[in-house]
Every structure is written in C-alpha cells, then in structure tokens.
Amino acid sequence: MALYSMRKARGCWRFIRALHTGPEATPAPQVSEHTQLSWILTCMVRLPRLQHLHQWKAKTAKQKHDGTVGLLTYPVLQAADVLLYKSTHVPVGEDQIQHMELIQDLARGFNKKYGEVFPVPKSILTSMKKVKSLRDPSAKMSKSDPDKLATVRITDSPEEIVQKFRKAVTDFTSEVTYDPASRGGVSNLVAIHSAVTGLPVEEVVRRSAGIDTARYKLVVADAVIEKFAPIKSEMAKLKMDKGHLQKVLQAGSAKAKELAYPVYQEVKELVGFL
C-alpha cells in the first residue's frame, strides 16, 4: 500500500509540475498531520451532515448505496487539508461549494470552542464552474465515471480525445448555440471550447456560425488537444527523470511538514492531547 501511494503521488506530482514549474509548488503526500487533524475534525461533525452532502448521495447511489466510511468522511479530510495551513482562500468548482461550507462551519465551530485558530476560508469560483460529462450533460465530468467516453483526461491520446468528442451527446438541432437549460450537450461543448481557448462564450458561438454540431465536435476536440499538448509534453519529460521527481516530492513534503507541524501542535494543546 505504501509503495502504491508513492507511485500515485509521483504520478500526481508529474501532473502538478507540468502545470506549474515554479519552485514553490509544494506537495504534501507524507504529512501525517493531515490525517491527525482530520480525525479531530471528524469528532466535531454530525453524521447526518456528511450523509446529506450531494456528492456522497450521488456517488453512493451509483454504488448501489454501498459507500464506504472513507468516502463519507473524505470532505473532513479536505477540511484538514485546507485548515492545517490556515488557508484564507480556496479555488473550487461549483460542485465543491457544499464541501467549502462544511470547511467554513468546522473552522467557526473550532474557533468558537477553542479560540480563534483558523481563518474561515472563502471560496474562489473558477471561471468554468463545472465541466459536464460528455455522455450525460446533466452530470459533472468525473474521473470515476464508469463510461470511459464521458471524461476527457489530459493523458488521453489525440485519437482518444477525438473519439470522445465524436461520441459526445448533443441533440437533433445542428446549429451551435449556448442554452444550458434546453441544449445541455451542445452548451457543454461551447463551455469547454471557451475554457480551453480563453474566448468568451459569445465569441465562441459567433465563430461557430454555419458549422453543424458534428463538425463542431471536431473543432472542440482540436482545441482541447492543442491546449493539452504542452502539458503532456512536460509530463513526458518529467516522467523520464524519476530521481528529480523524488527529490522534489521529498523537499515539498519537508516544506509542508514545516508549515503543518506547529499548527497541529497548537490544535493538540487546545483540545487536550498530551
């Protein structure tokens, strides 16, 4: 399990470094304070609060209500990830708003009981609040979706990306318009196109005038491939230098530990742990 976790951490870190190559990008895969603070915060939240979170209900429904305790309490671990570094602002998608509300309530609850320790972090909504599934525009795009055509991954080949967009659900109207309420599938493609090109939705629609949806799917696929290309190239280079990745992981863990340790010690003292 430990070896698997390290392999997964290296894989995630290749992705992080490909997106952000500055020296201050800091992973924290080996900082035990995260899980330790998570346990304390778990003791402060009621079971029904976690059971009523939308993502828990959605994911357990897909699993035929066979969700695990780890999945149920994962939002509390997220809270520990944020509060352990006394974060003040957190960039999130629309689907994480409920989890941010939980984090804010835990910060307020802890501060009320033990004194002002944690800032109450604010959400920063990204410009594209939620990416929808290519196969079901009413649902968000998810890496755990069993339908492999529903989700586009940065590691997908150009051929795979084209195939997924070809199979994307649209409707029987060939015109490209943006109307999420009545044309969810096409609107999702427009939103993705806007996100990867940086163009406003209105400009994307204007430039797509006269293109039918079948052709437009390929236009969006090409734009996504172009956006992902430099990231994939950087990931490939990083993958070839595992020694460098290991050093960066170790340095990042040490830095994260340096920041997390005193905060957790403060929390331990306040709650009465020896």
C-alpha atoms as a PDB file:
ATOM      1  CA  MET A   1       0.000   0.000   0.000  1.00  0.00           C
ATOM      2  CA  ALA A   2       2.816   2.424   0.849  1.00  0.00           C
ATOM      3  CA  LEU A   3       4.539   1.698  -2.480  1.00  0.00           C
ATOM      4  CA  TYR A   4       1.252   2.214  -4.323  1.00  0.00           C
ATOM      5  CA  SER A   5       0.732   5.535  -2.528  1.00  0.00           C
ATOM      6  CA  MET A   6       4.192   6.731  -3.506  1.00  0.00           C
ATOM      7  CA  ARG A   7       3.662   5.716  -7.144  1.00  0.00           C
ATOM      8  CA  LYS A   8       0.354   7.559  -7.140  1.00  0.00           C
ATOM      9  CA  ALA A   9       1.984  10.601  -5.528  1.00  0.00           C
ATOM     10  CA  ARG A  10       4.708  10.666  -8.194  1.00  0.00           C
ATOM     11  CA  GLY A  11       2.065  10.413 -10.898  1.00  0.00           C
ATOM     12  CA  CYS A  12       0.074  13.295  -9.413  1.00  0.00           C
ATOM     13  CA  TRP A  13       3.220  15.312  -8.950  1.00  0.00           C
ATOM     14  CA  ARG A  14       4.209  14.909 -12.608  1.00  0.00           C
ATOM     15  CA  PHE A  15       0.860  16.477 -13.429  1.00  0.00           C
ATOM     16  CA  ILE A  16       1.285  19.306 -10.889  1.00  0.00           C
ATOM     17  CA  ARG A  17       4.798  20.107 -12.055  1.00  0.00           C
ATOM     18  CA  ALA A  18       3.679  20.068 -15.688  1.00  0.00           C
ATOM     19  CA  LEU A  19       1.099  22.723 -14.859  1.00  0.00           C
ATOM     20  CA  HIS A  20       3.274  24.756 -12.504  1.00  0.00           C
ATOM     21  CA  THR A  21       7.047  24.545 -12.793  1.00  0.00           C
ATOM     22  CA  GLY A  22       7.878  27.180 -10.176  1.00  0.00           C
ATOM     23  CA  PRO A  23       9.906  26.160  -7.107  1.00  0.00           C
ATOM     24  CA  GLU A  24       7.084  26.905  -4.671  1.00  0.00           C
ATOM     25  CA  ALA A  25       4.680  24.227  -5.905  1.00  0.00           C
ATOM     26  CA  THR A  26       4.526  22.053  -2.800  1.00  0.00           C
ATOM     27  CA  PRO A  27       3.030  18.546  -2.486  1.00  0.00           C
ATOM     28  CA  ALA A  28       2.204  17.030   0.871  1.00  0.00           C
ATOM     29  CA  PRO A  29       1.886  13.261   0.341  1.00  0.00           C
ATOM     30  CA  GLN A  30       3.698  12.249   3.550  1.00  0.00           C
ATOM     31  CA  VAL A  31       2.497  14.772   6.148  1.00  0.00           C
ATOM     32  CA  SER A  32       0.745  12.788   8.879  1.00  0.00           C
ATOM     33  CA  GLU A  33      -0.743  15.951  10.397  1.00  0.00           C
ATOM     34  CA  HIS A  34      -3.385  15.913   7.658  1.00  0.00           C
ATOM     35  CA  THR A  35      -4.973  12.671   8.848  1.00  0.00           C
ATOM     36  CA  GLN A  36      -4.425  13.541  12.513  1.00  0.00           C
ATOM     37  CA  LEU A  37      -6.274  16.846  12.197  1.00  0.00           C
ATOM     38  CA  SER A  38      -8.912  15.118  10.099  1.00  0.00           C
ATOM     39  CA  TRP A  39      -9.693  12.750  12.977  1.00  0.00           C
ATOM     40  CA  ILE A  40     -10.136  15.682  15.399  1.00  0.00           C
ATOM     41  CA  LEU A  41     -12.426  17.477  12.952  1.00  0.00           C
ATOM     42  CA  THR A  42     -14.401  14.264  12.373  1.00  0.00           C
ATOM     43  CA  CYS A  43     -15.236  14.302  16.076  1.00  0.00           C
ATOM     44  CA  MET A  44     -16.826  17.726  15.603  1.00  0.00           C
ATOM     45  CA  VAL A  45     -19.211  16.937  12.740  1.00  0.00           C
ATOM     46  CA  ARG A  46     -22.544  15.127  12.954  1.00  0.00           C
ATOM     47  CA  LEU A  47     -23.187  12.052  10.813  1.00  0.00           C
ATOM     48  CA  PRO A  48     -26.330  13.465   9.108  1.00  0.00           C
ATOM     49  CA  ARG A  49     -24.330  16.484   7.899  1.00  0.00           C
ATOM     50  CA  LEU A  50     -21.991  14.226   5.938  1.00  0.00           C
ATOM     51  CA  GLN A  51     -24.807  11.989   4.717  1.00  0.00           C
ATOM     52  CA  HIS A  52     -26.643  14.981   3.253  1.00  0.00           C
ATOM     53  CA  LEU A  53     -23.725  16.163   1.125  1.00  0.00           C
ATOM     54  CA  HIS A  54     -24.686  15.952  -2.533  1.00  0.00           C
ATOM     55  CA  GLN A  55     -21.533  14.147  -3.677  1.00  0.00           C
ATOM     56  CA  TRP A  56     -21.965  11.443  -1.037  1.00  0.00           C
ATOM     57  CA  LYS A  57     -25.549  10.833  -2.108  1.00  0.00           C
ATOM     58  CA  ALA A  58     -24.673  10.844  -5.813  1.00  0.00           C
ATOM     59  CA  LYS A  59     -21.699   8.510  -5.504  1.00  0.00           C
ATOM     60  CA  THR A  60     -23.379   6.056  -3.150  1.00  0.00           C
ATOM     61  CA  ALA A  61     -26.385   5.926  -5.472  1.00  0.00           C
ATOM     62  CA  LYS A  62     -24.055   4.866  -8.290  1.00  0.00           C
ATOM     63  CA  GLN A  63     -22.520   2.275  -5.959  1.00  0.00           C
ATOM     64  CA  LYS A  64     -25.970   0.955  -5.026  1.00  0.00           C
ATOM     65  CA  HIS A  65     -25.684   2.542  -1.582  1.00  0.00           C
ATOM     66  CA  ASP A  66     -22.531   0.609  -0.785  1.00  0.00           C
ATOM     67  CA  GLY A  67     -20.399   3.688   0.014  1.00  0.00           C
ATOM     68  CA  THR A  68     -17.506   3.343   2.452  1.00  0.00           C
ATOM     69  CA  VAL A  69     -16.739   5.333   5.594  1.00  0.00           C
ATOM     70  CA  GLY A  70     -13.649   6.641   3.830  1.00  0.00           C
ATOM     71  CA  LEU A  71     -15.827   8.158   1.112  1.00  0.00           C
ATOM     72  CA  LEU A  72     -18.251   9.551   3.690  1.00  0.00           C
ATOM     73  CA  THR A  73     -15.538  11.303   5.717  1.00  0.00           C
ATOM     74  CA  TYR A  74     -13.431  12.437   2.761  1.00  0.00           C
ATOM     75  CA  PRO A  75     -14.830  16.008   2.944  1.00  0.00           C
ATOM     76  CA  VAL A  76     -13.480  16.218   6.501  1.00  0.00           C
ATOM     77  CA  LEU A  77     -10.032  15.246   5.225  1.00  0.00           C
ATOM     78  CA  GLN A  78     -10.426  18.036   2.669  1.00  0.00           C
ATOM     79  CA  ALA A  79     -11.183  20.383   5.555  1.00  0.00           C
ATOM     80  CA  ALA A  80      -7.981  19.302   7.296  1.00  0.00           C
ATOM     81  CA  ASP A  81      -6.011  19.885   4.078  1.00  0.00           C
ATOM     82  CA  VAL A  82      -7.270  23.472   3.993  1.00  0.00           C
ATOM     83  CA  LEU A  83      -7.303  24.408   7.680  1.00  0.00           C
ATOM     84  CA  LEU A  84      -3.927  22.867   8.517  1.00  0.00           C
ATOM     85  CA  TYR A  85      -2.234  25.642   6.524  1.00  0.00           C
ATOM     86  CA  LYS A  86      -4.615  28.351   7.780  1.00  0.00           C
ATOM     87  CA  SER A  87      -5.706  28.993   4.218  1.00  0.00           C
ATOM     88  CA  THR A  88      -7.815  32.085   3.598  1.00  0.00           C
ATOM     89  CA  HIS A  89      -8.969  31.480   0.004  1.00  0.00           C
ATOM     90  CA  VAL A  90      -9.584  28.224  -1.892  1.00  0.00           C
ATOM     91  CA  PRO A  91     -10.233  27.982  -5.668  1.00  0.00           C
ATOM     92  CA  VAL A  92     -13.034  25.479  -6.222  1.00  0.00           C
ATOM     93  CA  GLY A  93     -15.562  24.352  -8.783  1.00  0.00           C
ATOM     94  CA  GLU A  94     -19.276  24.710  -8.255  1.00  0.00           C
ATOM     95  CA  ASP A  95     -19.553  21.066  -7.150  1.00  0.00           C
ATOM     96  CA  GLN A  96     -17.299  21.750  -4.158  1.00  0.00           C
ATOM     97  CA  ILE A  97     -19.360  24.608  -2.683  1.00  0.00           C
ATOM     98  CA  GLN A  98     -21.057  22.290  -0.179  1.00  0.00           C
ATOM     99  CA  HIS A  99     -17.689  20.952   0.945  1.00  0.00           C
ATOM    100  CA  MET A 100     -16.394  24.504   1.380  1.00  0.00           C
ATOM    101  CA  GLU A 101     -19.429  25.320   3.513  1.00  0.00           C
ATOM    102  CA  LEU A 102     -18.538  22.335   5.701  1.00  0.00           C
ATOM    103  CA  ILE A 103     -14.947  23.581   5.985  1.00  0.00           C
ATOM    104  CA  GLN A 104     -16.164  27.045   6.955  1.00  0.00           C
ATOM    105  CA  ASP A 105     -18.534  25.624   9.580  1.00  0.00           C
ATOM    106  CA  LEU A 106     -15.773  23.438  11.051  1.00  0.00           C
ATOM    107  CA  ALA A 107     -13.450  26.450  11.276  1.00  0.00           C
ATOM    108  CA  ARG A 108     -16.144  28.511  13.001  1.00  0.00           C
ATOM    109  CA  GLY A 109     -17.078  25.653  15.329  1.00  0.00           C
ATOM    110  CA  PHE A 110     -13.466  25.025  16.350  1.00  0.00           C
ATOM    111  CA  ASN A 111     -12.825  28.744  16.891  1.00  0.00           C
ATOM    112  CA  LYS A 112     -15.969  29.112  18.994  1.00  0.00           C
ATOM    113  CA  LYS A 113     -14.965  26.221  21.246  1.00  0.00           C
ATOM    114  CA  TYR A 114     -11.206  26.729  21.490  1.00  0.00           C
ATOM    115  CA  GLY A 115     -10.478  30.310  20.442  1.00  0.00           C
ATOM    116  CA  GLU A 116      -9.521  31.970  17.152  1.00  0.00           C
ATOM    117  CA  VAL A 117      -7.228  29.444  15.495  1.00  0.00           C
ATOM    118  CA  PHE A 118      -8.381  29.007  11.912  1.00  0.00           C
ATOM    119  CA  PRO A 119      -9.264  31.683   9.378  1.00  0.00           C
ATOM    120  CA  VAL A 120     -12.675  30.994   7.823  1.00  0.00           C
ATOM    121  CA  PRO A 121     -11.625  30.387   4.206  1.00  0.00           C
ATOM    122  CA  LYS A 122     -13.503  31.905   1.290  1.00  0.00           C
ATOM    123  CA  SER A 123     -14.341  30.139  -1.968  1.00  0.00           C
ATOM    124  CA  ILE A 124     -12.918  31.413  -5.224  1.00  0.00           C
ATOM    125  CA  LEU A 125     -15.076  30.080  -8.025  1.00  0.00           C
ATOM    126  CA  THR A 126     -13.166  29.292 -11.193  1.00  0.00           C
ATOM    127  CA  SER A 127     -14.398  30.814 -14.448  1.00  0.00           C
ATOM    128  CA  MET A 128     -15.784  27.451 -15.561  1.00  0.00           C
ATOM    129  CA  LYS A 129     -17.728  26.383 -12.515  1.00  0.00           C
ATOM    130  CA  LYS A 130     -18.412  22.809 -13.604  1.00  0.00           C
ATOM    131  CA  VAL A 131     -17.354  20.662 -16.568  1.00  0.00           C
ATOM    132  CA  LYS A 132     -20.201  18.388 -17.601  1.00  0.00           C
ATOM    133  CA  SER A 133     -19.993  14.772 -18.708  1.00  0.00           C
ATOM    134  CA  LEU A 134     -19.746  14.261 -22.458  1.00  0.00           C
ATOM    135  CA  ARG A 135     -22.236  11.399 -22.208  1.00  0.00           C
ATOM    136  CA  ASP A 136     -24.659  12.939 -19.698  1.00  0.00           C
ATOM    137  CA  PRO A 137     -24.677  16.760 -19.738  1.00  0.00           C
ATOM    138  CA  SER A 138     -26.802  16.820 -16.580  1.00  0.00           C
ATOM    139  CA  ALA A 139     -23.916  15.337 -14.577  1.00  0.00           C
ATOM    140  CA  LYS A 140     -20.411  16.621 -13.954  1.00  0.00           C
ATOM    141  CA  MET A 141     -17.407  15.142 -15.727  1.00  0.00           C
ATOM    142  CA  SER A 142     -15.790  12.704 -13.325  1.00  0.00           C
ATOM    143  CA  LYS A 143     -12.657  10.587 -13.478  1.00  0.00           C
ATOM    144  CA  SER A 144     -14.546   7.805 -11.675  1.00  0.00           C
ATOM    145  CA  ASP A 145     -17.328   7.644 -14.290  1.00  0.00           C
ATOM    146  CA  PRO A 146     -17.612   4.011 -15.475  1.00  0.00           C
ATOM    147  CA  ASP A 147     -18.373   5.259 -19.005  1.00  0.00           C
ATOM    148  CA  LYS A 148     -14.876   5.868 -20.390  1.00  0.00           C
ATOM    149  CA  LEU A 149     -16.278   8.101 -23.139  1.00  0.00           C
ATOM    150  CA  ALA A 150     -17.727  10.530 -20.594  1.00  0.00           C
ATOM    151  CA  THR A 151     -14.459  12.002 -19.350  1.00  0.00           C
ATOM    152  CA  VAL A 152     -11.541  13.615 -21.162  1.00  0.00           C
ATOM    153  CA  ARG A 153      -8.189  13.107 -19.453  1.00  0.00           C
ATOM    154  CA  ILE A 154      -5.056  15.135 -20.027  1.00  0.00           C
ATOM    155  CA  THR A 155      -3.211  11.860 -20.600  1.00  0.00           C
ATOM    156  CA  ASP A 156      -5.578  10.797 -23.414  1.00  0.00           C
ATOM    157  CA  SER A 157      -4.070  10.477 -26.877  1.00  0.00           C
ATOM    158  CA  PRO A 158      -5.316  12.836 -29.616  1.00  0.00           C
ATOM    159  CA  GLU A 159      -7.180   9.896 -31.150  1.00  0.00           C
ATOM    160  CA  GLU A 160      -8.932   9.133 -27.867  1.00  0.00           C
ATOM    161  CA  ILE A 161      -9.913  12.775 -27.411  1.00  0.00           C
ATOM    162  CA  VAL A 162     -11.366  12.938 -30.928  1.00  0.00           C
ATOM    163  CA  GLN A 163     -13.312   9.717 -30.336  1.00  0.00           C
ATOM    164  CA  LYS A 164     -14.775  11.014 -27.070  1.00  0.00           C
ATOM    165  CA  PHE A 165     -15.937  14.270 -28.605  1.00  0.00           C
ATOM    166  CA  ARG A 166     -17.360  12.450 -31.636  1.00  0.00           C
ATOM    167  CA  LYS A 167     -19.475  10.395 -29.221  1.00  0.00           C
ATOM    168  CA  ALA A 168     -20.479  13.395 -27.089  1.00  0.00           C
ATOM    169  CA  VAL A 169     -24.234  13.649 -26.524  1.00  0.00           C
ATOM    170  CA  THR A 170     -25.884  16.589 -28.305  1.00  0.00           C
ATOM    171  CA  ASP A 171     -29.353  16.868 -29.884  1.00  0.00           C
ATOM    172  CA  PHE A 172     -31.104  16.888 -33.252  1.00  0.00           C
ATOM    173  CA  THR A 173     -30.505  20.603 -33.928  1.00  0.00           C
ATOM    174  CA  SER A 174     -27.347  21.146 -35.960  1.00  0.00           C
ATOM    175  CA  GLU A 175     -26.781  24.823 -35.104  1.00  0.00           C
ATOM    176  CA  VAL A 176     -24.197  25.704 -32.448  1.00  0.00           C
ATOM    177  CA  THR A 177     -25.836  27.770 -29.698  1.00  0.00           C
ATOM    178  CA  TYR A 178     -25.373  28.266 -25.960  1.00  0.00           C
ATOM    179  CA  ASP A 179     -28.508  27.481 -23.977  1.00  0.00           C
ATOM    180  CA  PRO A 180     -27.686  25.224 -20.986  1.00  0.00           C
ATOM    181  CA  ALA A 181     -31.334  24.898 -19.947  1.00  0.00           C
ATOM    182  CA  SER A 182     -32.598  23.404 -23.204  1.00  0.00           C
ATOM    183  CA  ARG A 183     -29.417  22.363 -25.077  1.00  0.00           C
ATOM    184  CA  GLY A 184     -27.202  20.906 -22.377  1.00  0.00           C
ATOM    185  CA  GLY A 185     -24.955  18.809 -24.622  1.00  0.00           C
ATOM    186  CA  VAL A 186     -24.067  21.495 -27.169  1.00  0.00           C
ATOM    187  CA  SER A 187     -23.759  24.118 -24.435  1.00  0.00           C
ATOM    188  CA  ASN A 188     -21.278  21.876 -22.621  1.00  0.00           C
ATOM    189  CA  LEU A 189     -19.137  21.709 -25.767  1.00  0.00           C
ATOM    190  CA  VAL A 190     -19.284  25.500 -26.103  1.00  0.00           C
ATOM    191  CA  ALA A 191     -18.278  25.914 -22.445  1.00  0.00           C
ATOM    192  CA  ILE A 192     -15.320  23.545 -22.865  1.00  0.00           C
ATOM    193  CA  HIS A 193     -14.295  25.330 -26.071  1.00  0.00           C
ATOM    194  CA  SER A 194     -14.462  28.670 -24.265  1.00  0.00           C
ATOM    195  CA  ALA A 195     -12.414  27.361 -21.330  1.00  0.00           C
ATOM    196  CA  VAL A 196      -9.541  25.929 -23.384  1.00  0.00           C
ATOM    197  CA  THR A 197      -9.297  28.879 -25.792  1.00  0.00           C
ATOM    198  CA  GLY A 198      -9.916  31.684 -23.315  1.00  0.00           C
ATOM    199  CA  LEU A 199     -12.590  33.154 -25.598  1.00  0.00           C
ATOM    200  CA  PRO A 200     -15.930  34.386 -24.200  1.00  0.00           C
ATOM    201  CA  VAL A 201     -18.850  32.050 -24.823  1.00  0.00           C
ATOM    202  CA  GLU A 202     -20.474  34.648 -27.069  1.00  0.00           C
ATOM    203  CA  GLU A 203     -17.364  34.824 -29.255  1.00  0.00           C
ATOM    204  CA  VAL A 204     -17.138  31.033 -29.488  1.00  0.00           C
ATOM    205  CA  VAL A 205     -20.745  30.876 -30.682  1.00  0.00           C
ATOM    206  CA  ARG A 206     -20.166  33.724 -33.179  1.00  0.00           C
ATOM    207  CA  ARG A 207     -17.121  31.996 -34.669  1.00  0.00           C
ATOM    208  CA  SER A 208     -19.037  28.731 -34.936  1.00  0.00           C
ATOM    209  CA  ALA A 209     -21.832  30.166 -37.066  1.00  0.00           C
ATOM    210  CA  GLY A 210     -22.519  27.929 -40.053  1.00  0.00           C
ATOM    211  CA  ILE A 211     -20.838  24.873 -38.518  1.00  0.00           C
ATOM    212  CA  ASP A 212     -23.054  21.914 -37.729  1.00  0.00           C
ATOM    213  CA  THR A 213     -22.659  20.107 -34.414  1.00  0.00           C
ATOM    214  CA  ALA A 214     -20.953  17.071 -35.973  1.00  0.00           C
ATOM    215  CA  ARG A 215     -18.190  19.276 -37.352  1.00  0.00           C
ATOM    216  CA  TYR A 216     -18.142  21.419 -34.227  1.00  0.00           C
ATOM    217  CA  LYS A 217     -17.315  18.391 -32.067  1.00  0.00           C
ATOM    218  CA  LEU A 218     -14.066  18.031 -34.030  1.00  0.00           C
ATOM    219  CA  VAL A 219     -13.318  21.750 -33.672  1.00  0.00           C
ATOM    220  CA  VAL A 220     -13.630  21.436 -29.894  1.00  0.00           C
ATOM    221  CA  ALA A 221     -11.557  18.249 -29.865  1.00  0.00           C
ATOM    222  CA  ASP A 222      -8.767  20.023 -31.808  1.00  0.00           C
ATOM    223  CA  ALA A 223      -8.841  22.945 -29.353  1.00  0.00           C
ATOM    224  CA  VAL A 224      -8.584  20.582 -26.378  1.00  0.00           C
ATOM    225  CA  ILE A 225      -5.719  18.659 -27.994  1.00  0.00           C
ATOM    226  CA  GLU A 226      -3.861  21.920 -28.635  1.00  0.00           C
ATOM    227  CA  LYS A 227      -4.383  23.056 -25.023  1.00  0.00           C
ATOM    228  CA  PHE A 228      -3.195  19.753 -23.567  1.00  0.00           C
ATOM    229  CA  ALA A 229      -0.162  19.324 -25.861  1.00  0.00           C
ATOM    230  CA  PRO A 230       2.421  21.385 -23.886  1.00  0.00           C
ATOM    231  CA  ILE A 231       1.216  19.914 -20.581  1.00  0.00           C
ATOM    232  CA  LYS A 232       1.533  16.359 -21.903  1.00  0.00           C
ATOM    233  CA  SER A 233       4.968  17.158 -23.298  1.00  0.00           C
ATOM    234  CA  GLU A 234       6.150  18.461 -19.932  1.00  0.00           C
ATOM    235  CA  MET A 235       4.685  15.429 -18.144  1.00  0.00           C
ATOM    236  CA  ALA A 236       6.553  13.106 -20.514  1.00  0.00           C
ATOM    237  CA  LYS A 237       9.843  14.888 -19.790  1.00  0.00           C
ATOM    238  CA  LEU A 238       9.274  14.744 -16.042  1.00  0.00           C
ATOM    239  CA  LYS A 239       8.408  11.057 -16.251  1.00  0.00           C
ATOM    240  CA  MET A 240      11.869  10.377 -17.661  1.00  0.00           C
ATOM    241  CA  ASP A 241      13.570  11.863 -14.585  1.00  0.00           C
ATOM    242  CA  LYS A 242      12.156   9.964 -11.627  1.00  0.00           C
ATOM    243  CA  GLY A 243      15.106  10.923  -9.451  1.00  0.00           C
ATOM    244  CA  HIS A 244      14.262  14.604  -9.849  1.00  0.00           C
ATOM    245  CA  LEU A 245      10.619  13.951  -9.040  1.00  0.00           C
ATOM    246  CA  GLN A 246      11.594  12.036  -5.925  1.00  0.00           C
ATOM    247  CA  LYS A 247      13.781  14.931  -4.740  1.00  0.00           C
ATOM    248  CA  VAL A 248      11.016  17.463  -5.370  1.00  0.00           C
ATOM    249  CA  LEU A 249       8.500  15.278  -3.533  1.00  0.00           C
ATOM    250  CA  GLN A 250      10.821  14.992  -0.540  1.00  0.00           C
ATOM    251  CA  ALA A 251      11.578  18.718  -0.500  1.00  0.00           C
ATOM    252  CA  GLY A 252       7.889  19.551  -0.848  1.00  0.00           C
ATOM    253  CA  SER A 253       6.932  17.159   1.950  1.00  0.00           C
ATOM    254  CA  ALA A 254       9.552  18.696   4.210  1.00  0.00           C
ATOM    255  CA  LYS A 255       8.247  22.194   3.486  1.00  0.00           C
ATOM    256  CA  ALA A 256       4.643  21.126   4.066  1.00  0.00           C
ATOM    257  CA  LYS A 257       5.675  19.427   7.320  1.00  0.00           C
ATOM    258  CA  GLU A 258       7.402  22.609   8.451  1.00  0.00           C
ATOM    259  CA  LEU A 259       4.169  24.550   7.950  1.00  0.00           C
ATOM    260  CA  ALA A 260       1.758  21.904   9.265  1.00  0.00           C
ATOM    261  CA  TYR A 261       3.580  20.752  12.401  1.00  0.00           C
ATOM    262  CA  PRO A 262       3.214  23.916  14.530  1.00  0.00           C
ATOM    263  CA  VAL A 263      -0.454  24.313  13.586  1.00  0.00           C
ATOM    264  CA  TYR A 264      -1.269  20.757  14.583  1.00  0.00           C
ATOM    265  CA  GLN A 265       0.704  21.135  17.818  1.00  0.00           C
ATOM    266  CA  GLU A 266      -1.391  24.207  18.619  1.00  0.00           C
ATOM    267  CA  VAL A 267      -4.579  22.232  17.944  1.00  0.00           C
ATOM    268  CA  LYS A 268      -3.392  19.281  20.062  1.00  0.00           C
ATOM    269  CA  GLU A 269      -2.690  21.558  23.007  1.00  0.00           C
ATOM    270  CA  LEU A 270      -6.067  23.270  22.746  1.00  0.00           C
ATOM    271  CA  VAL A 271      -8.075  20.028  22.609  1.00  0.00           C
ATOM    272  CA  GLY A 272      -6.082  18.494  25.441  1.00  0.00           C
ATOM    273  CA  PHE A 273      -3.915  15.901  23.733  1.00  0.00           C
ATOM    274  CA  LEU A 274      -0.641  15.175  25.528  1.00  0.00           C
END
